[in-house]
Amino acid sequence: MIAVVETGGKQYQISPGSIIRIEKLKAKEGEEVVLDKVLMLKEDDGETLVGNPLVAKARVTAEVLRQDRAKKIIVYKFKRRKNYHRQYGHRQAFTELKIKEIQSGKTKKKAK
């Protein structure tokens, strides 16, 4: 089973057992979170459910593996011949999730 979920303003294609990094959630490590904004589901038998905009009664259960910050990126602004340059770094906070099960409202698919 494959699902497309929305969280943090982004869309992610997931399946049971997959590990994804999403925008930071307010959850502690080891907690279970439920992603209920499911945009599309593809069953193992080939049936595809497309939401309008969401698939009714569909939800994804995931476990928080860790809360961390990504590798630092350097932002450098520069205007030639104007003696202007600014440099600063940024580390984006993220939550790493392991997908446990996908529920379509009629079936459940657990991670192996």
Protein backbone atom coordinates (compact mmCIF):
# COMPACT_ATOMS: atom_id res chain seq x y z
CA MET A 1 0.00 0.00 0.00
CA ILE A 2 1.25 3.46 -0.91
CA ALA A 3 -0.11 6.77 0.36
CA VAL A 4 0.50 10.43 -0.31
CA VAL A 5 0.19 12.58 2.82
CA GLU A 6 0.51 16.28 3.44
CA THR A 7 2.30 17.73 6.46
CA GLY A 8 4.20 20.94 6.97
CA GLY A 9 3.02 22.31 3.62
CA LYS A 10 4.73 19.49 1.71
CA GLN A 11 3.56 16.19 0.26
CA TYR A 12 5.27 12.84 0.91
CA GLN A 13 4.83 9.45 -0.76
CA ILE A 14 5.03 6.75 1.91
CA SER A 15 4.55 3.05 2.47
CA PRO A 16 4.55 0.97 5.68
CA GLY A 17 8.06 0.68 7.11
CA SER A 18 9.46 3.72 5.31
CA ILE A 19 11.38 6.44 7.15
CA ILE A 20 10.78 10.09 6.26
CA ARG A 21 12.00 13.48 7.43
CA ILE A 22 9.28 16.08 7.77
CA GLU A 23 8.98 19.58 9.16
CA LYS A 24 9.26 19.65 12.95
CA LEU A 25 6.27 18.34 14.91
CA LYS A 26 5.61 18.88 18.60
CA ALA A 27 6.10 15.26 19.64
CA LYS A 28 8.70 13.47 21.73
CA GLU A 29 10.89 10.61 20.57
CA GLY A 30 9.08 7.28 20.79
CA GLU A 31 5.60 8.82 20.61
CA GLU A 32 3.07 7.85 17.98
CA VAL A 33 1.68 10.53 15.70
CA VAL A 34 -1.27 10.32 13.33
CA LEU A 35 -1.16 11.96 9.91
CA ASP A 36 -4.75 12.38 8.80
CA LYS A 37 -4.28 14.54 5.70
CA VAL A 38 -4.15 11.67 3.22
CA LEU A 39 -4.43 12.91 -0.36
CA MET A 40 -4.19 9.58 -2.20
CA LEU A 41 -4.04 5.85 -1.48
CA LYS A 42 -3.01 2.96 -3.70
CA GLU A 43 -4.08 -0.45 -2.43
CA ASP A 44 -2.10 -3.65 -3.02
CA ASP A 45 -4.83 -4.92 -5.34
CA GLY A 46 -4.31 -1.92 -7.65
CA GLU A 47 -7.30 0.14 -6.50
CA THR A 48 -6.49 3.83 -6.22
CA LEU A 49 -8.41 6.22 -3.98
CA VAL A 50 -7.96 9.90 -4.76
CA GLY A 51 -9.25 12.44 -2.27
CA ASN A 52 -11.25 15.54 -2.99
CA PRO A 53 -9.11 17.03 -1.39
CA LEU A 54 -8.67 14.31 1.29
CA VAL A 55 -9.48 10.60 1.36
CA ALA A 56 -12.27 10.10 3.91
CA LYS A 57 -11.44 8.06 7.04
CA ALA A 58 -7.87 7.44 5.87
CA ARG A 59 -5.02 7.93 8.34
CA VAL A 60 -1.38 7.05 8.77
CA THR A 61 0.18 6.07 12.08
CA ALA A 62 3.88 6.75 12.55
CA GLU A 63 6.46 6.61 15.33
CA VAL A 64 8.81 9.52 16.04
CA LEU A 65 12.37 8.25 15.73
CA ARG A 66 14.16 11.51 16.48
CA GLN A 67 13.95 15.30 16.60
CA ASP A 68 17.01 16.99 15.16
CA ARG A 69 18.33 19.77 12.99
CA ALA A 70 19.64 19.35 9.47
CA LYS A 71 23.14 20.12 8.24
CA LYS A 72 23.96 23.84 8.18
CA ILE A 73 23.54 25.70 4.92
CA ILE A 74 25.35 28.97 4.27
CA VAL A 75 23.35 31.87 2.86
CA TYR A 76 25.60 34.47 1.23
CA LYS A 77 24.25 37.73 -0.16
CA PHE A 78 26.49 39.83 -2.37
CA LYS A 79 26.19 42.91 -4.57
CA ARG A 80 29.20 43.57 -6.74
CA ARG A 81 30.97 46.92 -6.59
CA LYS A 82 28.73 48.10 -3.73
CA ASN A 83 30.84 46.78 -0.83
CA TYR A 84 27.84 44.73 0.33
CA HIS A 85 28.02 41.14 1.47
CA ARG A 86 26.22 39.26 4.22
CA GLN A 87 26.75 35.69 5.32
CA TYR A 88 24.69 33.67 7.74
CA GLY A 89 23.89 30.03 8.36
CA HIS A 90 20.65 28.16 8.82
CA ARG A 91 19.82 24.75 10.30
CA GLN A 92 16.28 23.53 9.61
CA ALA A 93 14.61 21.55 12.40
CA PHE A 94 13.04 18.25 11.36
CA THR A 95 11.23 15.21 12.76
CA GLU A 96 12.15 11.74 11.54
CA LEU A 97 9.21 9.33 11.36
CA LYS A 98 8.90 5.60 10.78
CA ILE A 99 5.58 4.69 9.17
CA LYS A 100 3.86 1.94 11.16
CA GLU A 101 0.53 1.49 9.40
CA ILE A 102 -1.75 2.97 6.79
CA GLN A 103 -5.51 2.79 7.27
CA SER A 104 -7.76 3.43 4.31
CA GLY A 105 -10.99 3.29 6.28
CA LYS A 106 -11.70 -0.25 5.14
CA THR A 107 -8.27 -1.96 5.38
CA LYS A 108 -5.11 -1.68 7.45
CA LYS A 109 -1.59 -2.30 6.22
CA LYS A 110 1.10 -2.67 8.90
CA ALA A 111 4.86 -2.47 8.52
CA LYS A 112 6.69 -5.76 8.43
